[in-house]
Structure formats: structure tokens, C-alpha cells
């Protein structure tokens, strides 16, 4: 890992959280409908017995408030979630697993991206789960990704562009910064050796 991530304006990250949660909520609802027609869908350690009472948006805000990881961690966590859906097609994101997938993706992203990060016990408290469960979620998430954690600058920019498009769709009258500026403000510092030029975001619906 290299240097610290560039700072972002106070309002930039809350907007990013809004866009990410909006996309994930839409995906979860879509897959909830599909789940009704596929009752044999495989369950995993990420699934809860009932849908959590806390919304995806509130949960993501809580992680943002207490995890204190670099801004780019959230974009990379989103990349990881996308990869997970591609490598694990039998485990689509829905209302029963999205919260645990979120806390696991941010934890893994923070460990990969940041020089200093909180331990699993702290993330477990943030996520409202036990430390033992947090450890299990981390391991399963890593194996689900095939330990493919590197993110190329091009891929990072692509996801920033996608989230920027979500912002424009939600707030068409708001003139936002360009995806390139957003990517620069969420400057990525890690090793790059993965070619993802043909990467397709299956989280989008």
C-alpha cells in the first residue's frame, strides 16, 4: 500500500453513500422478486433468517460513520460486490444477504486499501454481528472473490463513472463534478496488475 487517500469534501461521501445504497436497494428488490420464483436458491453464511429492520441506506451510513476507512474503500467495496455476484451466480444480492455482504466487502476493502484499519471485532460491532461471524464472513467473501482483490485504475474510473451516472439520474438538475474528478478525489493507492477492460457490472439492473 502506498500513500494516504486524497481528502474529499464533506458532502462528497454522503452523496456517494446515497448512490451506492440506491443501486443496492434496487438490485436487492429485483432479486427478491426473482427469489419468489426460485425457492431452491442456495443459502449462505451471508443470509439472515429474516430481512434486517435497518435499511441498506442507514446501514451503509453507519459503516461510513464508524469504519473511518478511506473514501476509495467504498468504491472498491462496490467493485468487490460486483465481482462476487459474477463469481457466485447462485448467490445474488437480495434483502436477506446484502447487509452482511456490505460489511464484509468494506472490511476486505479497508484491509487491502488502507495502511491503518480497525480489527474484525470493531467491524463486527459496527455491523451488529459477533466477531466470530465477522471472521467467517470475511473468509467466505475472500473465497467467493477467488482472492481477486486488485483493482485497475481503469476499473476504478469505470465504477466512479457509473456511480456518477446514478447521481445524475437521481438529481438531473444538479450539475455534478465529472467522473474523472470524482476518481481523482477518491484517489486509488494499491498495486495494479489486473486487466478488466471487458468487465461488466452485473449489479446494474
N, C-alpha and C. Protein backbone atom coordinates (compact mmCIF):
# COMPACT_ATOMS: atom_id res chain seq x y z
N UNK A 1 0.83 -1.19 0.00
CA UNK A 1 0.00 0.00 0.00
C UNK A 1 0.87 1.25 0.00
N UNK A 2 0.34 2.28 -0.58
CA UNK A 2 1.13 3.49 -0.69
C UNK A 2 0.59 4.57 0.22
N UNK A 3 0.47 5.77 -0.34
CA UNK A 3 0.17 6.94 0.48
C UNK A 3 -1.28 7.00 0.91
N UNK A 4 -1.56 8.03 1.71
CA UNK A 4 -2.93 8.28 2.16
C UNK A 4 -3.79 8.71 0.98
N UNK A 5 -5.09 8.45 1.09
CA UNK A 5 -6.02 8.84 0.05
C UNK A 5 -6.28 10.34 0.13
N UNK A 6 -6.48 10.93 -1.03
CA UNK A 6 -6.79 12.35 -1.06
C UNK A 6 -8.08 12.61 -0.30
N UNK A 7 -8.16 13.74 0.37
CA UNK A 7 -9.37 14.09 1.11
C UNK A 7 -10.47 14.50 0.15
N UNK A 8 -11.71 14.27 0.57
CA UNK A 8 -12.85 14.68 -0.22
C UNK A 8 -13.63 15.72 0.55
N UNK A 9 -14.48 16.46 -0.14
CA UNK A 9 -15.29 17.47 0.54
C UNK A 9 -16.28 16.77 1.45
N UNK A 10 -16.76 17.46 2.50
CA UNK A 10 -17.66 16.83 3.47
C UNK A 10 -18.92 16.25 2.86
N UNK A 11 -19.42 16.90 1.78
CA UNK A 11 -20.67 16.43 1.20
C UNK A 11 -20.46 15.36 0.14
N UNK A 12 -19.23 15.13 -0.32
CA UNK A 12 -18.99 14.21 -1.41
C UNK A 12 -19.30 12.77 -1.03
N UNK A 13 -18.80 12.32 0.12
CA UNK A 13 -19.01 10.94 0.51
C UNK A 13 -20.45 10.63 0.87
N UNK A 14 -21.17 11.49 1.62
CA UNK A 14 -22.58 11.20 1.84
C UNK A 14 -23.36 11.01 0.54
N UNK A 15 -23.04 11.81 -0.49
CA UNK A 15 -23.70 11.63 -1.78
C UNK A 15 -23.32 10.28 -2.37
N UNK A 16 -22.05 9.90 -2.26
CA UNK A 16 -21.62 8.61 -2.77
C UNK A 16 -22.35 7.48 -2.07
N UNK A 17 -22.52 7.60 -0.75
CA UNK A 17 -23.26 6.60 0.02
C UNK A 17 -24.70 6.51 -0.47
N UNK A 18 -25.30 7.64 -0.75
CA UNK A 18 -26.67 7.67 -1.26
C UNK A 18 -26.78 6.90 -2.57
N UNK A 19 -25.83 7.12 -3.47
CA UNK A 19 -25.90 6.48 -4.78
C UNK A 19 -25.68 4.98 -4.67
N UNK A 20 -24.71 4.59 -3.86
CA UNK A 20 -24.43 3.16 -3.69
C UNK A 20 -25.63 2.44 -3.08
N UNK A 21 -26.21 3.04 -2.06
CA UNK A 21 -27.35 2.40 -1.42
C UNK A 21 -28.54 2.32 -2.36
N UNK A 22 -28.71 3.34 -3.19
CA UNK A 22 -29.80 3.34 -4.16
C UNK A 22 -29.67 2.17 -5.14
N UNK A 23 -28.46 1.98 -5.65
CA UNK A 23 -28.22 0.88 -6.58
C UNK A 23 -28.46 -0.46 -5.89
N UNK A 24 -27.90 -0.63 -4.70
CA UNK A 24 -28.03 -1.90 -3.99
C UNK A 24 -29.47 -2.19 -3.59
N UNK A 25 -30.21 -1.17 -3.22
CA UNK A 25 -31.61 -1.37 -2.88
C UNK A 25 -32.40 -1.83 -4.10
N UNK A 26 -32.11 -1.25 -5.25
CA UNK A 26 -32.79 -1.63 -6.48
C UNK A 26 -32.46 -3.07 -6.87
N UNK A 27 -31.19 -3.42 -6.72
CA UNK A 27 -30.76 -4.79 -7.04
C UNK A 27 -31.41 -5.78 -6.09
N UNK A 28 -31.40 -5.47 -4.80
CA UNK A 28 -31.97 -6.38 -3.80
C UNK A 28 -33.46 -6.61 -4.05
N UNK A 29 -34.19 -5.55 -4.34
CA UNK A 29 -35.63 -5.68 -4.60
C UNK A 29 -35.89 -6.52 -5.84
N UNK A 30 -35.08 -6.30 -6.86
CA UNK A 30 -35.24 -7.07 -8.09
C UNK A 30 -35.00 -8.55 -7.84
N UNK A 31 -33.96 -8.86 -7.09
CA UNK A 31 -33.64 -10.26 -6.81
C UNK A 31 -34.61 -10.87 -5.80
N UNK A 32 -35.21 -10.03 -4.96
CA UNK A 32 -36.25 -10.54 -4.05
C UNK A 32 -37.42 -11.09 -4.85
N UNK A 33 -37.77 -10.39 -5.93
CA UNK A 33 -38.86 -10.85 -6.78
C UNK A 33 -38.49 -12.16 -7.47
N UNK A 34 -37.26 -12.23 -7.95
CA UNK A 34 -36.80 -13.46 -8.62
C UNK A 34 -36.78 -14.62 -7.64
N UNK A 35 -36.47 -14.33 -6.38
CA UNK A 35 -36.37 -15.36 -5.36
C UNK A 35 -37.70 -16.08 -5.18
N UNK A 36 -38.80 -15.36 -5.37
CA UNK A 36 -40.12 -15.97 -5.23
C UNK A 36 -40.35 -17.09 -6.23
N UNK A 37 -39.72 -16.95 -7.38
CA UNK A 37 -39.89 -17.96 -8.42
C UNK A 37 -38.77 -19.00 -8.41
N UNK A 38 -37.80 -18.81 -7.51
CA UNK A 38 -36.70 -19.76 -7.37
C UNK A 38 -36.50 -20.09 -5.89
N UNK A 39 -37.46 -20.81 -5.31
CA UNK A 39 -37.39 -21.12 -3.87
C UNK A 39 -36.21 -22.01 -3.50
N UNK A 40 -35.59 -22.64 -4.46
CA UNK A 40 -34.46 -23.53 -4.17
C UNK A 40 -33.12 -22.80 -4.20
N UNK A 41 -33.17 -21.48 -4.25
CA UNK A 41 -31.94 -20.68 -4.27
C UNK A 41 -31.05 -21.03 -3.08
N UNK A 42 -29.75 -21.20 -3.35
CA UNK A 42 -28.82 -21.63 -2.31
C UNK A 42 -28.62 -20.53 -1.27
N UNK A 43 -28.62 -20.95 0.00
CA UNK A 43 -28.37 -20.02 1.09
C UNK A 43 -26.89 -20.05 1.43
N UNK A 44 -26.46 -19.06 2.22
CA UNK A 44 -25.05 -18.97 2.57
C UNK A 44 -24.91 -18.34 3.94
N UNK A 45 -23.66 -18.19 4.39
CA UNK A 45 -23.41 -17.56 5.69
C UNK A 45 -23.81 -16.09 5.67
N UNK A 46 -24.03 -15.52 4.48
CA UNK A 46 -24.40 -14.12 4.38
C UNK A 46 -25.90 -13.89 4.57
N UNK A 47 -26.67 -14.97 4.53
CA UNK A 47 -28.12 -14.83 4.63
C UNK A 47 -28.58 -14.78 6.09
N UNK A 48 -29.50 -13.88 6.36
CA UNK A 48 -30.17 -13.83 7.66
C UNK A 48 -31.50 -14.56 7.54
N UNK A 49 -32.05 -14.97 8.69
CA UNK A 49 -33.31 -15.69 8.67
C UNK A 49 -34.47 -14.79 8.24
N UNK A 50 -34.38 -13.53 8.61
CA UNK A 50 -35.38 -12.55 8.21
C UNK A 50 -34.65 -11.31 7.67
N UNK A 51 -35.37 -10.49 6.96
CA UNK A 51 -34.73 -9.28 6.43
C UNK A 51 -34.46 -8.31 7.59
N UNK A 52 -33.26 -7.76 7.67
CA UNK A 52 -32.92 -6.82 8.75
C UNK A 52 -33.85 -5.61 8.75
N UNK A 53 -34.11 -5.10 9.94
CA UNK A 53 -35.01 -3.95 10.04
C UNK A 53 -34.34 -2.65 9.58
N UNK A 54 -33.02 -2.57 9.67
CA UNK A 54 -32.30 -1.39 9.24
C UNK A 54 -32.21 -1.36 7.71
N UNK A 55 -32.45 -0.22 7.12
CA UNK A 55 -32.41 -0.12 5.66
C UNK A 55 -30.97 -0.21 5.16
N UNK A 56 -30.82 -0.50 3.88
CA UNK A 56 -29.49 -0.55 3.28
C UNK A 56 -28.81 0.80 3.40
N UNK A 57 -29.58 1.86 3.16
CA UNK A 57 -29.02 3.21 3.23
C UNK A 57 -28.53 3.53 4.64
N UNK A 58 -29.33 3.23 5.65
CA UNK A 58 -28.94 3.51 7.03
C UNK A 58 -27.74 2.65 7.45
N UNK A 59 -27.72 1.43 6.97
CA UNK A 59 -26.62 0.53 7.32
C UNK A 59 -25.31 1.02 6.70
N UNK A 60 -25.39 1.44 5.45
CA UNK A 60 -24.20 1.95 4.78
C UNK A 60 -23.73 3.26 5.41
N UNK A 61 -24.67 4.09 5.83
CA UNK A 61 -24.32 5.31 6.53
C UNK A 61 -23.62 5.00 7.86
N UNK A 62 -24.09 3.98 8.55
CA UNK A 62 -23.48 3.58 9.81
C UNK A 62 -22.04 3.12 9.59
N UNK A 63 -21.84 2.31 8.55
CA UNK A 63 -20.49 1.85 8.24
C UNK A 63 -19.59 3.03 7.92
N UNK A 64 -20.12 3.95 7.11
CA UNK A 64 -19.34 5.14 6.74
C UNK A 64 -18.97 5.96 7.97
N UNK A 65 -19.90 6.09 8.90
CA UNK A 65 -19.68 6.93 10.08
C UNK A 65 -18.64 6.33 11.03
N UNK A 66 -18.67 5.02 11.21
CA UNK A 66 -17.84 4.41 12.24
C UNK A 66 -16.61 3.66 11.73
N UNK A 67 -16.63 3.22 10.49
CA UNK A 67 -15.49 2.43 9.98
C UNK A 67 -14.26 3.30 9.78
N UNK A 68 -14.49 4.56 9.42
CA UNK A 68 -13.38 5.52 9.27
C UNK A 68 -12.33 5.04 8.27
N UNK A 69 -12.78 4.39 7.21
CA UNK A 69 -11.82 3.96 6.18
C UNK A 69 -11.75 5.02 5.09
N UNK A 70 -10.78 4.91 4.21
CA UNK A 70 -10.58 5.92 3.17
C UNK A 70 -11.78 5.94 2.21
N UNK A 71 -12.08 7.08 1.61
CA UNK A 71 -13.22 7.19 0.69
C UNK A 71 -13.19 6.17 -0.45
N UNK A 72 -12.01 5.92 -0.99
CA UNK A 72 -11.93 4.98 -2.11
C UNK A 72 -12.31 3.56 -1.71
N UNK A 73 -12.27 3.26 -0.40
CA UNK A 73 -12.65 1.92 0.06
C UNK A 73 -14.08 1.57 -0.35
N UNK A 74 -14.95 2.58 -0.36
CA UNK A 74 -16.34 2.30 -0.67
C UNK A 74 -16.54 1.99 -2.14
N UNK A 75 -15.80 2.66 -3.00
CA UNK A 75 -15.86 2.34 -4.43
C UNK A 75 -15.30 0.95 -4.66
N UNK A 76 -14.17 0.64 -4.03
CA UNK A 76 -13.56 -0.68 -4.19
C UNK A 76 -14.46 -1.76 -3.60
N UNK A 77 -15.12 -1.47 -2.48
CA UNK A 77 -16.07 -2.43 -1.91
C UNK A 77 -17.20 -2.72 -2.89
N UNK A 78 -17.63 -1.68 -3.61
CA UNK A 78 -18.66 -1.86 -4.63
C UNK A 78 -18.15 -2.74 -5.77
N UNK A 79 -16.90 -2.54 -6.15
CA UNK A 79 -16.28 -3.39 -7.17
C UNK A 79 -16.28 -4.84 -6.70
N UNK A 80 -15.91 -5.05 -5.44
CA UNK A 80 -15.87 -6.41 -4.89
C UNK A 80 -17.26 -7.06 -4.89
N UNK A 81 -18.27 -6.28 -4.55
CA UNK A 81 -19.63 -6.82 -4.56
C UNK A 81 -20.03 -7.26 -5.97
N UNK A 82 -19.64 -6.46 -6.94
CA UNK A 82 -19.93 -6.80 -8.33
C UNK A 82 -19.22 -8.10 -8.72
N UNK A 83 -17.96 -8.21 -8.36
CA UNK A 83 -17.20 -9.42 -8.67
C UNK A 83 -17.82 -10.64 -8.00
N UNK A 84 -18.27 -10.43 -6.77
CA UNK A 84 -18.87 -11.54 -6.04
C UNK A 84 -20.10 -12.07 -6.76
N UNK A 85 -20.93 -11.16 -7.27
CA UNK A 85 -22.14 -11.59 -7.98
C UNK A 85 -21.80 -12.34 -9.26
N UNK A 86 -20.66 -12.02 -9.86
CA UNK A 86 -20.25 -12.70 -11.08
C UNK A 86 -19.64 -14.07 -10.82
N UNK A 87 -18.84 -14.16 -9.76
CA UNK A 87 -18.20 -15.44 -9.45
C UNK A 87 -19.12 -16.38 -8.68
N UNK A 88 -20.17 -15.82 -8.06
CA UNK A 88 -21.13 -16.62 -7.30
C UNK A 88 -22.55 -16.36 -7.83
N UNK A 89 -22.85 -16.81 -9.03
CA UNK A 89 -24.16 -16.51 -9.63
C UNK A 89 -25.34 -17.11 -8.88
N UNK A 90 -25.10 -18.12 -8.06
CA UNK A 90 -26.18 -18.73 -7.29
C UNK A 90 -26.46 -17.98 -5.98
N UNK A 91 -25.68 -16.92 -5.74
CA UNK A 91 -25.87 -16.11 -4.54
C UNK A 91 -26.08 -14.64 -4.92
N UNK A 92 -27.18 -14.35 -5.60
CA UNK A 92 -27.44 -12.94 -5.97
C UNK A 92 -27.71 -12.10 -4.73
N UNK A 93 -27.42 -10.83 -4.84
CA UNK A 93 -27.66 -9.91 -3.73
C UNK A 93 -29.17 -9.70 -3.55
N UNK A 94 -29.65 -9.94 -2.33
CA UNK A 94 -31.05 -9.69 -2.04
C UNK A 94 -31.17 -9.08 -0.64
N UNK A 95 -32.40 -8.90 -0.20
CA UNK A 95 -32.62 -8.24 1.09
C UNK A 95 -32.16 -9.08 2.28
N UNK A 96 -31.94 -10.37 2.06
CA UNK A 96 -31.54 -11.25 3.14
C UNK A 96 -30.03 -11.31 3.34
N UNK A 97 -29.26 -10.93 2.32
CA UNK A 97 -27.80 -11.06 2.44
C UNK A 97 -27.02 -9.77 2.19
N UNK A 98 -27.69 -8.72 1.74
CA UNK A 98 -26.98 -7.51 1.32
C UNK A 98 -26.24 -6.85 2.49
N UNK A 99 -26.79 -6.88 3.69
CA UNK A 99 -26.15 -6.21 4.82
C UNK A 99 -24.82 -6.89 5.18
N UNK A 100 -24.84 -8.21 5.25
CA UNK A 100 -23.62 -8.93 5.60
C UNK A 100 -22.59 -8.85 4.48
N UNK A 101 -23.06 -8.84 3.24
CA UNK A 101 -22.14 -8.66 2.12
C UNK A 101 -21.50 -7.28 2.16
N UNK A 102 -22.26 -6.29 2.55
CA UNK A 102 -21.73 -4.92 2.64
C UNK A 102 -20.63 -4.81 3.69
N UNK A 103 -20.89 -5.29 4.89
CA UNK A 103 -19.90 -5.15 5.95
C UNK A 103 -18.64 -5.96 5.62
N UNK A 104 -18.83 -7.11 4.97
CA UNK A 104 -17.68 -7.93 4.58
C UNK A 104 -16.87 -7.25 3.48
N UNK A 105 -17.54 -6.66 2.51
CA UNK A 105 -16.84 -6.02 1.40
C UNK A 105 -16.06 -4.79 1.86
N UNK A 106 -16.63 -4.00 2.77
CA UNK A 106 -15.92 -2.82 3.27
C UNK A 106 -14.73 -3.25 4.12
N UNK A 107 -14.91 -4.28 4.93
CA UNK A 107 -13.80 -4.77 5.75
C UNK A 107 -12.63 -5.22 4.88
N UNK A 108 -12.92 -6.04 3.87
CA UNK A 108 -11.87 -6.54 2.99
C UNK A 108 -11.23 -5.39 2.22
N UNK A 109 -12.04 -4.45 1.76
CA UNK A 109 -11.52 -3.31 1.03
C UNK A 109 -10.60 -2.46 1.90
N UNK A 110 -11.01 -2.22 3.15
CA UNK A 110 -10.19 -1.40 4.05
C UNK A 110 -8.85 -2.08 4.33
N UNK A 111 -8.87 -3.37 4.51
CA UNK A 111 -7.62 -4.09 4.78
C UNK A 111 -6.70 -4.06 3.58
N UNK A 112 -7.28 -4.09 2.38
CA UNK A 112 -6.47 -4.09 1.16
C UNK A 112 -5.99 -2.69 0.81
N UNK A 113 -6.82 -1.68 1.11
CA UNK A 113 -6.54 -0.32 0.66
C UNK A 113 -5.74 0.51 1.66
N UNK A 114 -6.07 0.37 2.93
CA UNK A 114 -5.56 1.31 3.93
C UNK A 114 -4.40 0.74 4.73
N UNK A 115 -3.49 1.63 5.11
CA UNK A 115 -2.37 1.22 5.95
C UNK A 115 -2.82 0.99 7.39
N UNK A 116 -3.83 1.74 7.83
CA UNK A 116 -4.34 1.61 9.18
C UNK A 116 -5.84 1.36 9.10
N UNK A 117 -6.31 0.33 9.82
CA UNK A 117 -7.72 -0.01 9.78
C UNK A 117 -8.11 -0.70 11.09
N UNK A 118 -9.40 -0.71 11.39
CA UNK A 118 -9.89 -1.34 12.60
C UNK A 118 -9.89 -2.86 12.43
N UNK A 119 -9.86 -3.57 13.56
CA UNK A 119 -9.84 -5.04 13.51
C UNK A 119 -11.25 -5.59 13.31
N UNK A 120 -11.34 -6.90 13.18
CA UNK A 120 -12.61 -7.54 12.89
C UNK A 120 -13.62 -7.37 14.03
N UNK A 121 -13.13 -7.34 15.26
CA UNK A 121 -14.04 -7.17 16.40
C UNK A 121 -14.75 -5.82 16.31
N UNK A 122 -14.03 -4.79 15.90
CA UNK A 122 -14.63 -3.47 15.77
C UNK A 122 -15.65 -3.46 14.64
N UNK A 123 -15.30 -4.04 13.50
CA UNK A 123 -16.24 -4.09 12.38
C UNK A 123 -17.48 -4.90 12.73
N UNK A 124 -17.30 -5.92 13.56
CA UNK A 124 -18.44 -6.73 14.00
C UNK A 124 -19.42 -5.87 14.79
N UNK A 125 -18.90 -5.01 15.67
CA UNK A 125 -19.77 -4.12 16.44
C UNK A 125 -20.46 -3.12 15.52
N UNK A 126 -19.73 -2.61 14.56
CA UNK A 126 -20.33 -1.67 13.61
C UNK A 126 -21.46 -2.35 12.83
N UNK A 127 -21.22 -3.60 12.43
CA UNK A 127 -22.20 -4.33 11.63
C UNK A 127 -23.29 -5.01 12.41
N UNK A 128 -23.20 -5.00 13.75
CA UNK A 128 -24.24 -5.61 14.57
C UNK A 128 -24.20 -7.12 14.57
N UNK A 129 -23.00 -7.69 14.42
CA UNK A 129 -22.85 -9.15 14.43
C UNK A 129 -21.72 -9.51 15.39
N UNK A 130 -21.53 -10.81 15.61
CA UNK A 130 -20.47 -11.25 16.51
C UNK A 130 -19.13 -11.25 15.78
N UNK A 131 -18.06 -11.23 16.55
CA UNK A 131 -16.72 -11.28 15.96
C UNK A 131 -16.52 -12.58 15.20
N UNK A 132 -17.01 -13.68 15.76
CA UNK A 132 -16.88 -14.98 15.11
C UNK A 132 -17.57 -14.96 13.74
N UNK A 133 -18.74 -14.34 13.68
CA UNK A 133 -19.45 -14.26 12.40
C UNK A 133 -18.72 -13.35 11.43
N UNK A 134 -18.17 -12.26 11.93
CA UNK A 134 -17.41 -11.35 11.07
C UNK A 134 -16.22 -12.08 10.47
N UNK A 135 -15.53 -12.86 11.27
CA UNK A 135 -14.39 -13.63 10.76
C UNK A 135 -14.83 -14.60 9.67
N UNK A 136 -15.96 -15.26 9.89
CA UNK A 136 -16.47 -16.22 8.91
C UNK A 136 -16.89 -15.53 7.62
N UNK A 137 -17.54 -14.38 7.76
CA UNK A 137 -17.97 -13.63 6.57
C UNK A 137 -16.76 -13.19 5.75
N UNK A 138 -15.72 -12.74 6.42
CA UNK A 138 -14.52 -12.29 5.72
C UNK A 138 -13.91 -13.43 4.91
N UNK A 139 -13.77 -14.58 5.53
CA UNK A 139 -13.15 -15.73 4.85
C UNK A 139 -14.00 -16.17 3.66
N UNK A 140 -15.31 -16.27 3.87
CA UNK A 140 -16.20 -16.70 2.78
C UNK A 140 -16.23 -15.69 1.65
N UNK A 141 -16.15 -14.41 2.00
CA UNK A 141 -16.15 -13.38 0.97
C UNK A 141 -14.87 -13.45 0.14
N UNK A 142 -13.75 -13.66 0.79
CA UNK A 142 -12.48 -13.76 0.08
C UNK A 142 -12.47 -14.96 -0.85
N UNK A 143 -12.96 -16.09 -0.37
CA UNK A 143 -13.01 -17.27 -1.22
C UNK A 143 -14.02 -17.08 -2.36
N UNK A 144 -15.12 -16.37 -2.05
CA UNK A 144 -16.10 -16.09 -3.09
C UNK A 144 -15.54 -15.22 -4.20
N UNK A 145 -14.61 -14.35 -3.83
CA UNK A 145 -13.93 -13.50 -4.82
C UNK A 145 -12.79 -14.22 -5.51
N UNK A 146 -12.42 -15.38 -5.00
CA UNK A 146 -11.24 -16.05 -5.51
C UNK A 146 -9.98 -15.28 -5.19
N UNK A 147 -10.04 -14.46 -4.12
CA UNK A 147 -8.92 -13.64 -3.67
C UNK A 147 -8.45 -12.66 -4.76
N UNK A 148 -9.36 -12.31 -5.66
CA UNK A 148 -9.04 -11.33 -6.71
C UNK A 148 -9.36 -9.94 -6.17
N UNK A 149 -8.37 -9.31 -5.54
CA UNK A 149 -8.60 -8.04 -4.86
C UNK A 149 -8.05 -6.83 -5.59
N UNK A 150 -7.16 -7.01 -6.51
CA UNK A 150 -6.59 -5.87 -7.24
C UNK A 150 -7.64 -5.19 -8.11
N UNK A 151 -7.56 -3.88 -8.17
CA UNK A 151 -8.48 -3.08 -8.98
C UNK A 151 -7.64 -2.13 -9.84
N UNK A 152 -7.82 -2.22 -11.13
CA UNK A 152 -7.04 -1.36 -12.02
C UNK A 152 -7.57 0.07 -11.96
N UNK A 153 -6.73 1.06 -12.28
CA UNK A 153 -7.22 2.45 -12.34
C UNK A 153 -8.38 2.60 -13.31
N UNK A 154 -8.33 1.89 -14.43
CA UNK A 154 -9.41 1.98 -15.42
C UNK A 154 -10.73 1.47 -14.84
N UNK A 155 -10.66 0.37 -14.10
CA UNK A 155 -11.86 -0.18 -13.49
C UNK A 155 -12.40 0.77 -12.42
N UNK A 156 -11.50 1.35 -11.64
CA UNK A 156 -11.91 2.29 -10.61
C UNK A 156 -12.63 3.47 -11.24
N UNK A 157 -12.09 3.99 -12.32
CA UNK A 157 -12.72 5.11 -13.03
C UNK A 157 -14.08 4.71 -13.59
N UNK A 158 -14.19 3.48 -14.11
CA UNK A 158 -15.44 3.00 -14.67
C UNK A 158 -16.54 2.98 -13.62
N UNK A 159 -16.21 2.51 -12.45
CA UNK A 159 -17.21 2.45 -11.38
C UNK A 159 -17.56 3.85 -10.87
N UNK A 160 -16.59 4.74 -10.83
CA UNK A 160 -16.88 6.13 -10.47
C UNK A 160 -17.83 6.73 -11.49
N UNK A 161 -17.63 6.42 -12.75
CA UNK A 161 -18.49 6.92 -13.82
C UNK A 161 -19.91 6.40 -13.65
N UNK A 162 -20.00 5.11 -13.30
CA UNK A 162 -21.33 4.51 -13.13
C UNK A 162 -22.07 5.16 -11.95
N UNK A 163 -21.37 5.35 -10.84
CA UNK A 163 -21.99 5.98 -9.69
C UNK A 163 -22.35 7.43 -9.99
N UNK A 164 -21.51 8.08 -10.80
CA UNK A 164 -21.80 9.45 -11.21
C UNK A 164 -23.08 9.49 -12.05
N UNK A 165 -23.25 8.51 -12.91
CA UNK A 165 -24.47 8.45 -13.73
C UNK A 165 -25.70 8.26 -12.84
N UNK A 166 -25.55 7.45 -11.80
CA UNK A 166 -26.65 7.26 -10.85
C UNK A 166 -27.03 8.58 -10.20
N UNK A 167 -26.03 9.38 -9.88
CA UNK A 167 -26.29 10.67 -9.26
C UNK A 167 -27.06 11.58 -10.20
N UNK A 168 -26.67 11.58 -11.47
CA UNK A 168 -27.32 12.44 -12.45
C UNK A 168 -28.76 12.00 -12.69
N UNK A 169 -28.99 10.69 -12.65
CA UNK A 169 -30.34 10.17 -12.84
C UNK A 169 -31.24 10.55 -11.66
N UNK A 170 -30.66 10.57 -10.47
CA UNK A 170 -31.44 10.91 -9.28
C UNK A 170 -31.63 12.42 -9.13
N UNK A 171 -30.62 13.18 -9.55
CA UNK A 171 -30.67 14.64 -9.42
C UNK A 171 -30.32 15.30 -10.74
N UNK A 172 -31.22 15.21 -11.73
CA UNK A 172 -30.91 15.73 -13.07
C UNK A 172 -30.64 17.22 -13.11
N UNK A 173 -31.15 17.97 -12.14
CA UNK A 173 -30.95 19.42 -12.15
C UNK A 173 -29.68 19.83 -11.44
N UNK A 174 -29.03 18.83 -10.81
CA UNK A 174 -27.79 19.15 -10.09
C UNK A 174 -26.59 18.93 -11.00
N UNK A 175 -25.81 19.97 -11.19
CA UNK A 175 -24.62 19.84 -12.02
C UNK A 175 -23.49 19.30 -11.15
N UNK A 176 -23.14 18.06 -11.38
CA UNK A 176 -22.15 17.40 -10.53
C UNK A 176 -20.78 17.45 -11.18
N UNK A 177 -19.78 17.10 -10.36
CA UNK A 177 -18.42 17.05 -10.88
C UNK A 177 -18.28 15.88 -11.86
N UNK A 178 -17.28 15.94 -12.72
CA UNK A 178 -17.09 14.91 -13.72
C UNK A 178 -16.62 13.62 -13.07
N UNK A 179 -16.87 12.45 -13.71
CA UNK A 179 -16.38 11.19 -13.17
C UNK A 179 -14.87 11.19 -12.98
N UNK A 180 -14.14 11.86 -13.89
CA UNK A 180 -12.68 11.89 -13.76
C UNK A 180 -12.27 12.63 -12.48
N UNK A 181 -12.93 13.76 -12.22
CA UNK A 181 -12.63 14.48 -10.98
C UNK A 181 -12.98 13.66 -9.76
N UNK A 182 -14.11 12.95 -9.85
CA UNK A 182 -14.52 12.10 -8.74
C UNK A 182 -13.48 11.02 -8.49
N UNK A 183 -13.01 10.42 -9.57
CA UNK A 183 -11.99 9.38 -9.43
C UNK A 183 -10.71 9.94 -8.83
N UNK A 184 -10.35 11.15 -9.24
CA UNK A 184 -9.14 11.77 -8.69
C UNK A 184 -9.31 12.09 -7.21
N UNK A 185 -10.51 12.55 -6.85
CA UNK A 185 -10.75 12.89 -5.45
C UNK A 185 -10.78 11.64 -4.58
N UNK A 186 -11.17 10.52 -5.19
CA UNK A 186 -11.15 9.24 -4.47
C UNK A 186 -9.92 8.46 -4.92
N UNK A 187 -8.80 9.11 -4.90
CA UNK A 187 -7.56 8.58 -5.46
C UNK A 187 -7.24 7.19 -4.94
N UNK A 188 -6.90 6.28 -5.86
CA UNK A 188 -6.67 4.89 -5.52
C UNK A 188 -5.19 4.64 -5.34
N UNK A 189 -4.82 3.99 -4.23
CA UNK A 189 -3.43 3.67 -3.94
C UNK A 189 -3.30 2.18 -3.65
N UNK A 190 -2.98 1.40 -4.63
CA UNK A 190 -2.69 -0.02 -4.40
C UNK A 190 -1.97 -0.55 -5.62
N UNK A 191 -1.65 -1.82 -5.61
CA UNK A 191 -0.95 -2.40 -6.76
C UNK A 191 -1.96 -2.73 -7.84
N UNK A 192 -1.59 -2.51 -9.08
CA UNK A 192 -2.49 -2.76 -10.20
C UNK A 192 -1.82 -3.74 -11.16
N UNK A 193 -2.48 -4.85 -11.38
CA UNK A 193 -1.96 -5.79 -12.39
C UNK A 193 -3.07 -6.59 -13.03
N UNK A 194 -4.31 -6.15 -12.84
CA UNK A 194 -5.43 -6.92 -13.34
C UNK A 194 -6.05 -6.25 -14.54
N UNK A 195 -6.26 -6.99 -15.60
CA UNK A 195 -6.89 -6.46 -16.80
C UNK A 195 -8.38 -6.70 -16.72
N UNK A 196 -9.16 -5.62 -16.61
CA UNK A 196 -10.60 -5.77 -16.51
C UNK A 196 -11.29 -4.92 -17.58
N UNK A 197 -10.67 -4.83 -18.74
CA UNK A 197 -11.24 -3.98 -19.78
C UNK A 197 -12.61 -4.48 -20.23
N UNK A 198 -12.86 -5.78 -20.09
CA UNK A 198 -14.14 -6.34 -20.52
C UNK A 198 -15.08 -6.55 -19.35
N UNK A 199 -14.74 -5.95 -18.22
CA UNK A 199 -15.53 -6.15 -17.00
C UNK A 199 -16.93 -5.59 -17.18
N UNK A 200 -17.94 -6.36 -16.83
CA UNK A 200 -19.31 -5.91 -16.94
C UNK A 200 -19.95 -5.90 -15.56
N UNK A 201 -20.63 -4.81 -15.21
CA UNK A 201 -21.19 -4.64 -13.88
C UNK A 201 -22.55 -5.31 -13.81
N UNK A 202 -22.61 -6.50 -13.26
CA UNK A 202 -23.87 -7.22 -13.17
C UNK A 202 -24.73 -6.75 -12.01
N UNK A 203 -24.23 -5.83 -11.19
CA UNK A 203 -25.05 -5.28 -10.13
C UNK A 203 -26.14 -4.39 -10.72
N UNK A 204 -25.88 -3.81 -11.89
CA UNK A 204 -26.83 -2.90 -12.50
C UNK A 204 -28.05 -3.65 -12.99
N UNK A 205 -29.21 -3.05 -12.81
CA UNK A 205 -30.45 -3.65 -13.31
C UNK A 205 -31.21 -2.62 -14.12
